Amino acid sequence: MSYMKVLSDIKKGNIASTYLLKGTESYFIDELEKNITKFLGVKVEGETHHYDLAETSIQEVIMNAETLPFFSEKKLIFLHNPVFLKARPDKLPFIHDVFRFEEYLLNPPEYSHIVIIANYEKIDGRKKIAKLINKHAVVADCSPIKDYEIKKWITMLAKEHSIQFSNEALQLIEAELSNNLVLLENEIEKIAMYSGKNTEVSLETVKQLLSVSTTQSALELVDAVLRRNLKDAIHIATDLKKANEEPIALLALLAYQFRIILQVKLLLQSGMRENELQKQIKAHPYVIKLAIQRGRQFSVERLEYIMREIAETDAVIKSGRMEKTIAFELLLYMMIQQS
């Protein structure tokens, strides 16, 4: 089911007993989490739980879900890292009794709601548990938006904040932020607070508010990693935090930049010419040019490792296992020490 359809149902009060949020678009996942929590409100106050399934067995989670709530009317349980849905599950020091979860899906208690967050590009749909989830849960597609949808989302988010952009301003935002919805939301909210409601935002205003470009700052972070300069990397991240950029948004920035570098490197290795890259990747020419240069300093294996570490840090922050700023700085340390 599409993100917009699931969100619409939630806002209408149609809350399912079980959700699967699958895909790598953090904005969609965060919005669905937020709206489910908001609608249930006081019904789950004191009984909202987060589990990392790389650390906790599914049978322990089900035991909690089947136990009557003590502190509120209902329970809301978020499950991060559902490794048993991957084609090649991670090796863990314990075994997930997936059969217990299969039984739960067939007859979930009315007082518990489970939200599974599969922040993966794909899950193994051949597995029995995946088929049962598809049949008995609401599955939300949280895949990244396509390049041709970027303008539509900029316009939609601007409308939610009661502003609109001139054509020139819209083009600049599209070039700067690409299809990163977390950044789009943050930047459009900032512009709306500055401009006020029911206004048309000019190119000059956008240039002023994006004078320290978020994309440029992400590129500078990548440069600091390449130079193995932890001090500069943390300084840039601190400046962005002072500008109200959340660590989750900074993770999205880094993920986008390193994903482009990896895509460019793989396409060049496959024999594609440099002048064909923009058509294939559909990123801004400036970003592709820099990705070519940066790609020469990384192996494919190293880039894939960095992408996995970024995804792991995202999961650590969202599951509350570590304070977000510390988690982000540890990621920078890892990237620089290992580069």
C-alpha atoms as a PDB file:
ATOM      1  CA  MET A   1       0.000   0.000   0.000  1.00  0.00           C
ATOM      2  CA  SER A   2       1.274   3.468  -0.786  1.00  0.00           C
ATOM      3  CA  TYR A   3       2.585   5.746   1.957  1.00  0.00           C
ATOM      4  CA  MET A   4      -0.117   8.338   1.231  1.00  0.00           C
ATOM      5  CA  LYS A   5      -2.937   5.745   1.501  1.00  0.00           C
ATOM      6  CA  VAL A   6      -1.639   4.360   4.808  1.00  0.00           C
ATOM      7  CA  LEU A   7      -1.185   7.880   6.207  1.00  0.00           C
ATOM      8  CA  SER A   8      -4.698   8.850   5.113  1.00  0.00           C
ATOM      9  CA  ASP A   9      -6.192   5.802   6.845  1.00  0.00           C
ATOM     10  CA  ILE A  10      -4.295   6.548  10.055  1.00  0.00           C
ATOM     11  CA  LYS A  11      -5.515  10.162  10.087  1.00  0.00           C
ATOM     12  CA  LYS A  12      -9.067   8.859   9.673  1.00  0.00           C
ATOM     13  CA  GLY A  13      -8.596   6.741  12.789  1.00  0.00           C
ATOM     14  CA  ASN A  14      -8.262   3.389  11.037  1.00  0.00           C
ATOM     15  CA  ILE A  15      -5.419   1.948  13.112  1.00  0.00           C
ATOM     16  CA  ALA A  16      -4.354  -1.604  12.279  1.00  0.00           C
ATOM     17  CA  SER A  17      -3.084  -4.108  14.833  1.00  0.00           C
ATOM     18  CA  THR A  18       0.127  -4.669  12.866  1.00  0.00           C
ATOM     19  CA  TYR A  19       2.110  -2.543  10.406  1.00  0.00           C
ATOM     20  CA  LEU A  20       5.148  -3.220   8.274  1.00  0.00           C
ATOM     21  CA  LEU A  21       6.979  -0.079   7.144  1.00  0.00           C
ATOM     22  CA  LYS A  22       9.387  -1.259   4.465  1.00  0.00           C
ATOM     23  CA  GLY A  23      11.824   0.879   2.513  1.00  0.00           C
ATOM     24  CA  THR A  24      14.658   3.328   3.093  1.00  0.00           C
ATOM     25  CA  GLU A  25      12.848   6.693   2.990  1.00  0.00           C
ATOM     26  CA  SER A  26      13.285   7.984   6.549  1.00  0.00           C
ATOM     27  CA  TYR A  27      10.733  10.761   6.053  1.00  0.00           C
ATOM     28  CA  PHE A  28       7.900   8.313   5.298  1.00  0.00           C
ATOM     29  CA  ILE A  29       8.838   6.047   8.215  1.00  0.00           C
ATOM     30  CA  ASP A  30       9.130   8.950  10.664  1.00  0.00           C
ATOM     31  CA  GLU A  31       5.794  10.455   9.583  1.00  0.00           C
ATOM     32  CA  LEU A  32       3.932   7.154   9.913  1.00  0.00           C
ATOM     33  CA  GLU A  33       5.519   6.497  13.338  1.00  0.00           C
ATOM     34  CA  LYS A  34       4.595  10.003  14.461  1.00  0.00           C
ATOM     35  CA  ASN A  35       1.005   9.821  13.241  1.00  0.00           C
ATOM     36  CA  ILE A  36       0.324   6.366  14.696  1.00  0.00           C
ATOM     37  CA  THR A  37       1.677   7.536  18.057  1.00  0.00           C
ATOM     38  CA  LYS A  38      -0.255  10.815  17.834  1.00  0.00           C
ATOM     39  CA  PHE A  39      -3.581   9.138  17.072  1.00  0.00           C
ATOM     40  CA  LEU A  40      -3.297   6.539  19.844  1.00  0.00           C
ATOM     41  CA  GLY A  41      -2.181   9.325  22.199  1.00  0.00           C
ATOM     42  CA  VAL A  42      -3.017   8.768  25.865  1.00  0.00           C
ATOM     43  CA  LYS A  43      -4.202   5.239  25.091  1.00  0.00           C
ATOM     44  CA  VAL A  44      -0.561   4.134  24.877  1.00  0.00           C
ATOM     45  CA  GLU A  45       1.016   6.677  27.218  1.00  0.00           C
ATOM     46  CA  GLY A  46       3.364   4.715  29.458  1.00  0.00           C
ATOM     47  CA  GLU A  47       3.123   1.628  27.251  1.00  0.00           C
ATOM     48  CA  THR A  48       5.103   2.599  24.141  1.00  0.00           C
ATOM     49  CA  HIS A  49       8.036   0.245  23.612  1.00  0.00           C
ATOM     50  CA  HIS A  50      10.962   0.100  21.169  1.00  0.00           C
ATOM     51  CA  TYR A  51      12.830  -3.143  20.490  1.00  0.00           C
ATOM     52  CA  ASP A  52      15.929  -3.739  18.399  1.00  0.00           C
ATOM     53  CA  LEU A  53      15.522  -7.243  16.974  1.00  0.00           C
ATOM     54  CA  ALA A  54      19.280  -7.494  16.570  1.00  0.00           C
ATOM     55  CA  GLU A  55      19.397  -7.524  20.376  1.00  0.00           C
ATOM     56  CA  THR A  56      16.007  -8.886  21.502  1.00  0.00           C
ATOM     57  CA  SER A  57      14.262 -12.068  20.364  1.00  0.00           C
ATOM     58  CA  ILE A  58      10.857 -11.868  18.706  1.00  0.00           C
ATOM     59  CA  GLN A  59       9.443 -14.326  21.263  1.00  0.00           C
ATOM     60  CA  GLU A  60      10.313 -11.885  24.068  1.00  0.00           C
ATOM     61  CA  VAL A  61       8.513  -9.124  22.160  1.00  0.00           C
ATOM     62  CA  ILE A  62       5.429 -11.307  21.620  1.00  0.00           C
ATOM     63  CA  MET A  63       5.361 -12.158  25.328  1.00  0.00           C
ATOM     64  CA  ASN A  64       5.147  -8.420  26.063  1.00  0.00           C
ATOM     65  CA  ALA A  65       2.543  -7.823  23.334  1.00  0.00           C
ATOM     66  CA  GLU A  66       0.308 -10.595  24.725  1.00  0.00           C
ATOM     67  CA  THR A  67       0.572  -9.338  28.309  1.00  0.00           C
ATOM     68  CA  LEU A  68      -2.175  -6.961  29.383  1.00  0.00           C
ATOM     69  CA  PRO A  69      -1.013  -3.323  29.672  1.00  0.00           C
ATOM     70  CA  PHE A  70      -0.611  -1.988  33.221  1.00  0.00           C
ATOM     71  CA  PHE A  71      -0.087   1.724  32.693  1.00  0.00           C
ATOM     72  CA  SER A  72      -2.506   2.547  29.876  1.00  0.00           C
ATOM     73  CA  GLU A  73      -5.355   1.200  27.786  1.00  0.00           C
ATOM     74  CA  LYS A  74      -3.191  -0.135  24.949  1.00  0.00           C
ATOM     75  CA  LYS A  75       0.394  -0.975  23.988  1.00  0.00           C
ATOM     76  CA  LEU A  76       2.318   0.410  21.031  1.00  0.00           C
ATOM     77  CA  ILE A  77       5.399  -1.635  20.133  1.00  0.00           C
ATOM     78  CA  PHE A  78       7.990  -0.598  17.526  1.00  0.00           C
ATOM     79  CA  LEU A  79      10.269  -3.307  16.148  1.00  0.00           C
ATOM     80  CA  HIS A  80      13.537  -2.177  14.549  1.00  0.00           C
ATOM     81  CA  ASN A  81      15.921  -4.360  12.524  1.00  0.00           C
ATOM     82  CA  PRO A  82      13.607  -7.306  11.701  1.00  0.00           C
ATOM     83  CA  VAL A  83      16.571  -9.340  10.459  1.00  0.00           C
ATOM     84  CA  PHE A  84      14.442 -12.456   9.897  1.00  0.00           C
ATOM     85  CA  LEU A  85      12.793 -10.685   6.925  1.00  0.00           C
ATOM     86  CA  LYS A  86      16.100 -10.333   5.069  1.00  0.00           C
ATOM     87  CA  ALA A  87      17.226 -12.840   2.456  1.00  0.00           C
ATOM     88  CA  ARG A  88      20.421 -13.334   4.445  1.00  0.00           C
ATOM     89  CA  PRO A  89      19.661 -12.690   8.121  1.00  0.00           C
ATOM     90  CA  ASP A  90      22.451 -11.354  10.317  1.00  0.00           C
ATOM     91  CA  LYS A  91      24.186 -13.810  12.622  1.00  0.00           C
ATOM     92  CA  LEU A  92      22.907 -13.278  16.158  1.00  0.00           C
ATOM     93  CA  PRO A  93      23.800 -14.817  19.544  1.00  0.00           C
ATOM     94  CA  PHE A  94      20.190 -16.044  19.853  1.00  0.00           C
ATOM     95  CA  ILE A  95      17.457 -17.528  17.663  1.00  0.00           C
ATOM     96  CA  HIS A  96      14.235 -15.763  16.661  1.00  0.00           C
ATOM     97  CA  ASP A  97      11.279 -18.100  17.154  1.00  0.00           C
ATOM     98  CA  VAL A  98       9.468 -16.783  14.098  1.00  0.00           C
ATOM     99  CA  PHE A  99       6.735 -19.405  14.540  1.00  0.00           C
ATOM    100  CA  ARG A 100       5.586 -17.507  17.663  1.00  0.00           C
ATOM    101  CA  PHE A 101       5.229 -14.368  15.585  1.00  0.00           C
ATOM    102  CA  GLU A 102       3.314 -16.265  12.913  1.00  0.00           C
ATOM    103  CA  GLU A 103       0.839 -17.437  15.582  1.00  0.00           C
ATOM    104  CA  TYR A 104       0.531 -13.888  16.905  1.00  0.00           C
ATOM    105  CA  LEU A 105      -0.306 -12.471  13.469  1.00  0.00           C
ATOM    106  CA  LEU A 106      -3.234 -14.872  13.134  1.00  0.00           C
ATOM    107  CA  ASN A 107      -4.816 -13.717  16.397  1.00  0.00           C
ATOM    108  CA  PRO A 108      -3.352 -10.449  17.751  1.00  0.00           C
ATOM    109  CA  PRO A 109      -4.816  -9.053  21.011  1.00  0.00           C
ATOM    110  CA  GLU A 110      -6.967  -5.944  20.689  1.00  0.00           C
ATOM    111  CA  TYR A 111      -4.868  -4.040  23.218  1.00  0.00           C
ATOM    112  CA  SER A 112      -1.549  -4.221  21.319  1.00  0.00           C
ATOM    113  CA  HIS A 113      -0.319  -2.565  18.143  1.00  0.00           C
ATOM    114  CA  ILE A 114       2.967  -3.635  16.547  1.00  0.00           C
ATOM    115  CA  VAL A 115       4.872  -1.529  14.009  1.00  0.00           C
ATOM    116  CA  ILE A 116       7.702  -3.359  12.203  1.00  0.00           C
ATOM    117  CA  ILE A 117      10.280  -1.020  10.686  1.00  0.00           C
ATOM    118  CA  ALA A 118      12.187  -2.746   7.880  1.00  0.00           C
ATOM    119  CA  ASN A 119      14.584  -0.039   6.754  1.00  0.00           C
ATOM    120  CA  TYR A 120      15.832  -2.206   3.889  1.00  0.00           C
ATOM    121  CA  GLU A 121      15.734  -1.824   0.133  1.00  0.00           C
ATOM    122  CA  LYS A 122      13.964  -5.176  -0.076  1.00  0.00           C
ATOM    123  CA  ILE A 123      12.805  -8.045   2.099  1.00  0.00           C
ATOM    124  CA  ASP A 124      12.586 -11.729   1.224  1.00  0.00           C
ATOM    125  CA  GLY A 125       8.953 -12.084   0.158  1.00  0.00           C
ATOM    126  CA  ARG A 126       9.351 -15.855  -0.280  1.00  0.00           C
ATOM    127  CA  LYS A 127       9.490 -16.479   3.457  1.00  0.00           C
ATOM    128  CA  LYS A 128       6.357 -17.673   5.217  1.00  0.00           C
ATOM    129  CA  ILE A 129       6.549 -14.906   7.802  1.00  0.00           C
ATOM    130  CA  ALA A 130       6.748 -12.269   5.046  1.00  0.00           C
ATOM    131  CA  LYS A 131       3.705 -13.749   3.320  1.00  0.00           C
ATOM    132  CA  LEU A 132       1.736 -13.784   6.581  1.00  0.00           C
ATOM    133  CA  ILE A 133       2.652 -10.172   7.279  1.00  0.00           C
ATOM    134  CA  ASN A 134       1.518  -9.183   3.785  1.00  0.00           C
ATOM    135  CA  LYS A 135      -1.791 -10.951   4.414  1.00  0.00           C
ATOM    136  CA  HIS A 136      -2.543  -9.928   8.005  1.00  0.00           C
ATOM    137  CA  ALA A 137      -0.793  -6.569   8.433  1.00  0.00           C
ATOM    138  CA  VAL A 138      -0.901  -3.192   6.723  1.00  0.00           C
ATOM    139  CA  VAL A 139       2.250  -2.932   4.610  1.00  0.00           C
ATOM    140  CA  ALA A 140       3.390   0.621   3.826  1.00  0.00           C
ATOM    141  CA  ASP A 141       5.730   1.228   0.911  1.00  0.00           C
ATOM    142  CA  CYS A 142       8.401   3.600   2.255  1.00  0.00           C
ATOM    143  CA  SER A 143      10.669   3.489  -0.780  1.00  0.00           C
ATOM    144  CA  PRO A 144      12.434   6.725  -1.819  1.00  0.00           C
ATOM    145  CA  ILE A 145      10.527   8.923  -4.239  1.00  0.00           C
ATOM    146  CA  LYS A 146      11.415   8.952  -7.930  1.00  0.00           C
ATOM    147  CA  ASP A 147      13.280  11.879  -9.445  1.00  0.00           C
ATOM    148  CA  TYR A 148      10.257  12.931 -11.505  1.00  0.00           C
ATOM    149  CA  GLU A 149       8.240  13.275  -8.274  1.00  0.00           C
ATOM    150  CA  ILE A 150      10.556  15.808  -6.595  1.00  0.00           C
ATOM    151  CA  LYS A 151       8.753  18.967  -7.762  1.00  0.00           C
ATOM    152  CA  LYS A 152       5.403  17.513  -6.726  1.00  0.00           C
ATOM    153  CA  TRP A 153       6.701  16.860  -3.199  1.00  0.00           C
ATOM    154  CA  ILE A 154       8.269  20.301  -2.875  1.00  0.00           C
ATOM    155  CA  THR A 155       4.937  21.849  -3.866  1.00  0.00           C
ATOM    156  CA  MET A 156       2.999  19.540  -1.524  1.00  0.00           C
ATOM    157  CA  LEU A 157       5.218  20.256   1.479  1.00  0.00           C
ATOM    158  CA  ALA A 158       5.097  23.985   0.749  1.00  0.00           C
ATOM    159  CA  LYS A 159       1.291  23.826   0.666  1.00  0.00           C
ATOM    160  CA  GLU A 160       1.248  22.091   4.071  1.00  0.00           C
ATOM    161  CA  HIS A 161       3.165  25.093   5.438  1.00  0.00           C
ATOM    162  CA  SER A 162       0.863  27.583   3.632  1.00  0.00           C
ATOM    163  CA  ILE A 163       3.522  28.963   1.265  1.00  0.00           C
ATOM    164  CA  GLN A 164       4.372  28.586  -2.389  1.00  0.00           C
ATOM    165  CA  PHE A 165       7.604  29.010  -4.329  1.00  0.00           C
ATOM    166  CA  SER A 166       8.343  30.960  -7.472  1.00  0.00           C
ATOM    167  CA  ASN A 167       9.537  28.764 -10.340  1.00  0.00           C
ATOM    168  CA  GLU A 168      13.123  29.943  -9.880  1.00  0.00           C
ATOM    169  CA  ALA A 169      13.029  29.267  -6.125  1.00  0.00           C
ATOM    170  CA  LEU A 170      11.566  25.804  -6.692  1.00  0.00           C
ATOM    171  CA  GLN A 171      14.330  24.954  -9.175  1.00  0.00           C
ATOM    172  CA  LEU A 172      17.034  26.002  -6.710  1.00  0.00           C
ATOM    173  CA  ILE A 173      15.551  23.879  -3.911  1.00  0.00           C
ATOM    174  CA  GLU A 174      15.279  20.924  -6.289  1.00  0.00           C
ATOM    175  CA  ALA A 175      18.952  21.255  -7.286  1.00  0.00           C
ATOM    176  CA  GLU A 176      20.159  21.722  -3.706  1.00  0.00           C
ATOM    177  CA  LEU A 177      18.158  19.063  -1.881  1.00  0.00           C
ATOM    178  CA  SER A 178      17.319  16.526  -4.610  1.00  0.00           C
ATOM    179  CA  ASN A 179      14.881  13.830  -3.446  1.00  0.00           C
ATOM    180  CA  ASN A 180      15.803  13.917   0.230  1.00  0.00           C
ATOM    181  CA  LEU A 181      12.421  14.400   1.901  1.00  0.00           C
ATOM    182  CA  VAL A 182      13.820  14.774   5.417  1.00  0.00           C
ATOM    183  CA  LEU A 183      15.896  17.732   4.270  1.00  0.00           C
ATOM    184  CA  LEU A 184      13.083  19.122   2.139  1.00  0.00           C
ATOM    185  CA  GLU A 185      10.737  19.113   5.136  1.00  0.00           C
ATOM    186  CA  ASN A 186      13.314  20.758   7.427  1.00  0.00           C
ATOM    187  CA  GLU A 187      14.274  23.459   4.930  1.00  0.00           C
ATOM    188  CA  ILE A 188      10.719  24.249   3.823  1.00  0.00           C
ATOM    189  CA  GLU A 189       9.618  24.516   7.461  1.00  0.00           C
ATOM    190  CA  LYS A 190      12.490  26.941   8.121  1.00  0.00           C
ATOM    191  CA  ILE A 191      11.608  29.034   5.042  1.00  0.00           C
ATOM    192  CA  ALA A 192       7.924  29.093   6.038  1.00  0.00           C
ATOM    193  CA  MET A 193       8.741  30.320   9.543  1.00  0.00           C
ATOM    194  CA  TYR A 194      10.807  33.135   8.047  1.00  0.00           C
ATOM    195  CA  SER A 195       8.371  34.099   5.278  1.00  0.00           C
ATOM    196  CA  GLY A 196       5.037  33.745   7.071  1.00  0.00           C
ATOM    197  CA  LYS A 197       1.868  32.079   5.852  1.00  0.00           C
ATOM    198  CA  ASN A 198       0.174  32.701   2.501  1.00  0.00           C
ATOM    199  CA  THR A 199       3.253  34.135   0.812  1.00  0.00           C
ATOM    200  CA  GLU A 200       5.096  33.384  -2.415  1.00  0.00           C
ATOM    201  CA  VAL A 201       8.741  32.739  -1.641  1.00  0.00           C
ATOM    202  CA  SER A 202      11.182  34.343  -4.069  1.00  0.00           C
ATOM    203  CA  LEU A 203      14.508  33.050  -5.354  1.00  0.00           C
ATOM    204  CA  GLU A 204      16.303  35.739  -3.330  1.00  0.00           C
ATOM    205  CA  THR A 205      14.691  34.555  -0.081  1.00  0.00           C
ATOM    206  CA  VAL A 206      15.643  30.941  -0.739  1.00  0.00           C
ATOM    207  CA  LYS A 207      19.218  31.969  -1.554  1.00  0.00           C
ATOM    208  CA  GLN A 208      19.376  33.938   1.674  1.00  0.00           C
ATOM    209  CA  LEU A 209      18.089  31.104   3.834  1.00  0.00           C
ATOM    210  CA  LEU A 210      20.174  28.500   2.050  1.00  0.00           C
ATOM    211  CA  SER A 211      23.262  30.714   2.052  1.00  0.00           C
ATOM    212  CA  VAL A 212      25.035  27.881   3.856  1.00  0.00           C
ATOM    213  CA  SER A 213      23.757  25.199   1.536  1.00  0.00           C
ATOM    214  CA  THR A 214      22.761  21.939   3.205  1.00  0.00           C
ATOM    215  CA  THR A 215      24.040  20.072   0.167  1.00  0.00           C
ATOM    216  CA  GLN A 216      27.310  21.995   0.277  1.00  0.00           C
ATOM    217  CA  SER A 217      27.646  21.224   3.969  1.00  0.00           C
ATOM    218  CA  ALA A 218      27.143  17.526   3.242  1.00  0.00           C
ATOM    219  CA  LEU A 219      29.850  17.721   0.590  1.00  0.00           C
ATOM    220  CA  GLU A 220      32.139  19.397   3.121  1.00  0.00           C
ATOM    221  CA  LEU A 221      31.434  16.569   5.568  1.00  0.00           C
ATOM    222  CA  VAL A 222      32.410  14.049   2.902  1.00  0.00           C
ATOM    223  CA  ASP A 223      35.561  16.073   2.220  1.00  0.00           C
ATOM    224  CA  ALA A 224      36.438  16.015   5.916  1.00  0.00           C
ATOM    225  CA  VAL A 225      36.076  12.224   5.897  1.00  0.00           C
ATOM    226  CA  LEU A 226      38.324  12.013   2.838  1.00  0.00           C
ATOM    227  CA  ARG A 227      40.926  14.209   4.556  1.00  0.00           C
ATOM    228  CA  ARG A 228      40.605  12.028   7.700  1.00  0.00           C
ATOM    229  CA  ASN A 229      39.961  15.217   9.646  1.00  0.00           C
ATOM    230  CA  LEU A 230      37.670  14.356  12.551  1.00  0.00           C
ATOM    231  CA  LYS A 231      37.925  17.837  14.042  1.00  0.00           C
ATOM    232  CA  ASP A 232      36.602  19.486  10.850  1.00  0.00           C
ATOM    233  CA  ALA A 233      33.883  16.858  10.428  1.00  0.00           C
ATOM    234  CA  ILE A 234      32.549  17.377  13.943  1.00  0.00           C
ATOM    235  CA  HIS A 235      32.852  21.172  13.537  1.00  0.00           C
ATOM    236  CA  ILE A 236      30.712  21.069  10.363  1.00  0.00           C
ATOM    237  CA  ALA A 237      28.182  18.781  12.053  1.00  0.00           C
ATOM    238  CA  THR A 238      28.042  21.114  15.076  1.00  0.00           C
ATOM    239  CA  ASP A 239      27.424  24.142  12.841  1.00  0.00           C
ATOM    240  CA  LEU A 240      24.605  22.296  11.117  1.00  0.00           C
ATOM    241  CA  LYS A 241      23.130  21.332  14.475  1.00  0.00           C
ATOM    242  CA  LYS A 242      23.179  25.007  15.499  1.00  0.00           C
ATOM    243  CA  ALA A 243      21.258  25.686  12.280  1.00  0.00           C
ATOM    244  CA  ASN A 244      18.592  23.247  13.570  1.00  0.00           C
ATOM    245  CA  GLU A 245      19.712  20.318  11.413  1.00  0.00           C
ATOM    246  CA  GLU A 246      18.924  17.105  13.291  1.00  0.00           C
ATOM    247  CA  PRO A 247      21.412  14.179  13.293  1.00  0.00           C
ATOM    248  CA  ILE A 248      18.822  12.096  11.409  1.00  0.00           C
ATOM    249  CA  ALA A 249      18.810  14.737   8.660  1.00  0.00           C
ATOM    250  CA  LEU A 250      22.623  14.784   8.647  1.00  0.00           C
ATOM    251  CA  LEU A 251      22.615  11.001   8.277  1.00  0.00           C
ATOM    252  CA  ALA A 252      20.298  11.388   5.310  1.00  0.00           C
ATOM    253  CA  LEU A 253      22.708  13.940   3.809  1.00  0.00           C
ATOM    254  CA  LEU A 254      25.681  11.598   4.170  1.00  0.00           C
ATOM    255  CA  ALA A 255      23.702   8.601   2.917  1.00  0.00           C
ATOM    256  CA  TYR A 256      22.663  10.519  -0.201  1.00  0.00           C
ATOM    257  CA  GLN A 257      26.210  11.681  -0.967  1.00  0.00           C
ATOM    258  CA  PHE A 258      27.835   8.291  -0.452  1.00  0.00           C
ATOM    259  CA  ARG A 259      25.035   6.534  -2.347  1.00  0.00           C
ATOM    260  CA  ILE A 260      25.707   8.791  -5.342  1.00  0.00           C
ATOM    261  CA  ILE A 261      29.458   8.119  -5.088  1.00  0.00           C
ATOM    262  CA  LEU A 262      28.796   4.365  -5.017  1.00  0.00           C
ATOM    263  CA  GLN A 263      26.354   4.511  -7.949  1.00  0.00           C
ATOM    264  CA  VAL A 264      28.759   6.583 -10.038  1.00  0.00           C
ATOM    265  CA  LYS A 265      31.694   4.276  -9.289  1.00  0.00           C
ATOM    266  CA  LEU A 266      29.715   1.135 -10.170  1.00  0.00           C
ATOM    267  CA  LEU A 267      28.398   2.650 -13.407  1.00  0.00           C
ATOM    268  CA  LEU A 268      31.848   3.819 -14.466  1.00  0.00           C
ATOM    269  CA  GLN A 269      33.246   0.358 -13.739  1.00  0.00           C
ATOM    270  CA  SER A 270      30.502  -1.148 -15.902  1.00  0.00           C
ATOM    271  CA  GLY A 271      31.747   0.930 -18.843  1.00  0.00           C
ATOM    272  CA  MET A 272      29.310   3.843 -18.803  1.00  0.00           C
ATOM    273  CA  ARG A 273      30.717   7.144 -20.028  1.00  0.00           C
ATOM    274  CA  GLU A 274      30.809  10.190 -17.773  1.00  0.00           C
ATOM    275  CA  ASN A 275      28.427  12.163 -20.012  1.00  0.00           C
ATOM    276  CA  GLU A 276      25.798   9.414 -19.635  1.00  0.00           C
ATOM    277  CA  LEU A 277      25.797   9.403 -15.838  1.00  0.00           C
ATOM    278  CA  GLN A 278      23.360  12.283 -15.289  1.00  0.00           C
ATOM    279  CA  LYS A 279      20.723  10.657 -17.469  1.00  0.00           C
ATOM    280  CA  GLN A 280      21.086   7.392 -15.575  1.00  0.00           C
ATOM    281  CA  ILE A 281      21.311   8.745 -12.006  1.00  0.00           C
ATOM    282  CA  LYS A 282      19.276  11.943 -12.500  1.00  0.00           C
ATOM    283  CA  ALA A 283      21.279  13.850  -9.879  1.00  0.00           C
ATOM    284  CA  HIS A 284      22.456  17.437 -10.181  1.00  0.00           C
ATOM    285  CA  PRO A 285      25.486  17.711 -12.544  1.00  0.00           C
ATOM    286  CA  TYR A 286      27.613  19.343  -9.836  1.00  0.00           C
ATOM    287  CA  VAL A 287      26.931  16.450  -7.457  1.00  0.00           C
ATOM    288  CA  ILE A 288      27.860  13.890 -10.138  1.00  0.00           C
ATOM    289  CA  LYS A 289      31.071  15.739 -11.008  1.00  0.00           C
ATOM    290  CA  LEU A 290      32.202  15.660  -7.378  1.00  0.00           C
ATOM    291  CA  ALA A 291      31.096  12.031  -6.992  1.00  0.00           C
ATOM    292  CA  ILE A 292      33.424  11.050  -9.843  1.00  0.00           C
ATOM    293  CA  GLN A 293      36.339  12.762  -8.124  1.00  0.00           C
ATOM    294  CA  ARG A 294      35.542  11.322  -4.703  1.00  0.00           C
ATOM    295  CA  GLY A 295      34.904   7.838  -6.032  1.00  0.00           C
ATOM    296  CA  ARG A 296      38.575   7.515  -6.962  1.00  0.00           C
ATOM    297  CA  GLN A 297      39.456   7.545  -3.262  1.00  0.00           C
ATOM    298  CA  PHE A 298      37.115   4.708  -2.213  1.00  0.00           C
ATOM    299  CA  SER A 299      36.831   1.047  -3.090  1.00  0.00           C
ATOM    300  CA  VAL A 300      33.367  -0.364  -3.787  1.00  0.00           C
ATOM    301  CA  GLU A 301      33.711  -2.536  -0.687  1.00  0.00           C
ATOM    302  CA  ARG A 302      34.529   0.484   1.460  1.00  0.00           C
ATOM    303  CA  LEU A 303      31.551   2.451   0.132  1.00  0.00           C
ATOM    304  CA  GLU A 304      29.202  -0.461   0.760  1.00  0.00           C
ATOM    305  CA  TYR A 305      30.568  -0.731   4.310  1.00  0.00           C
ATOM    306  CA  ILE A 306      29.989   2.983   4.912  1.00  0.00           C
ATOM    307  CA  MET A 307      26.393   2.679   3.683  1.00  0.00           C
ATOM    308  CA  ARG A 308      25.775  -0.202   6.086  1.00  0.00           C
ATOM    309  CA  GLU A 309      27.255   1.778   8.989  1.00  0.00           C
ATOM    310  CA  ILE A 310      25.066   4.790   8.168  1.00  0.00           C
ATOM    311  CA  ALA A 311      21.997   2.533   8.135  1.00  0.00           C
ATOM    312  CA  GLU A 312      23.056   0.976  11.457  1.00  0.00           C
ATOM    313  CA  THR A 313      23.535   4.410  13.046  1.00  0.00           C
ATOM    314  CA  ASP A 314      20.085   5.413  11.800  1.00  0.00           C
ATOM    315  CA  ALA A 315      18.615   2.339  13.496  1.00  0.00           C
ATOM    316  CA  VAL A 316      20.566   2.987  16.716  1.00  0.00           C
ATOM    317  CA  ILE A 317      19.235   6.547  16.941  1.00  0.00           C
ATOM    318  CA  LYS A 318      15.642   5.634  16.122  1.00  0.00           C
ATOM    319  CA  SER A 319      15.570   2.756  18.606  1.00  0.00           C
ATOM    320  CA  GLY A 320      16.907   5.069  21.326  1.00  0.00           C
ATOM    321  CA  ARG A 321      19.928   2.874  22.046  1.00  0.00           C
ATOM    322  CA  MET A 322      22.241   5.878  22.001  1.00  0.00           C
ATOM    323  CA  GLU A 323      21.941   9.645  22.248  1.00  0.00           C
ATOM    324  CA  LYS A 324      21.679  10.889  18.661  1.00  0.00           C
ATOM    325  CA  THR A 325      24.555  13.397  18.648  1.00  0.00           C
ATOM    326  CA  ILE A 326      26.943  10.871  20.204  1.00  0.00           C
ATOM    327  CA  ALA A 327      25.849   8.200  17.713  1.00  0.00           C
ATOM    328  CA  PHE A 328      26.470  10.553  14.792  1.00  0.00           C
ATOM    329  CA  GLU A 329      29.905  11.598  16.061  1.00  0.00           C
ATOM    330  CA  LEU A 330      30.857   7.939  16.588  1.00  0.00           C
ATOM    331  CA  LEU A 331      29.862   7.275  12.980  1.00  0.00           C
ATOM    332  CA  LEU A 332      32.134  10.097  11.813  1.00  0.00           C
ATOM    333  CA  TYR A 333      34.965   8.683  13.938  1.00  0.00           C
ATOM    334  CA  MET A 334      34.455   5.213  12.414  1.00  0.00           C
ATOM    335  CA  MET A 335      34.367   6.551   8.868  1.00  0.00           C
ATOM    336  CA  ILE A 336      37.523   8.607   9.322  1.00  0.00           C
ATOM    337  CA  GLN A 337      39.514   5.978  11.235  1.00  0.00           C
ATOM    338  CA  GLN A 338      38.694   3.340   8.635  1.00  0.00           C
ATOM    339  CA  SER A 339      38.983   5.486   5.483  1.00  0.00           C
END
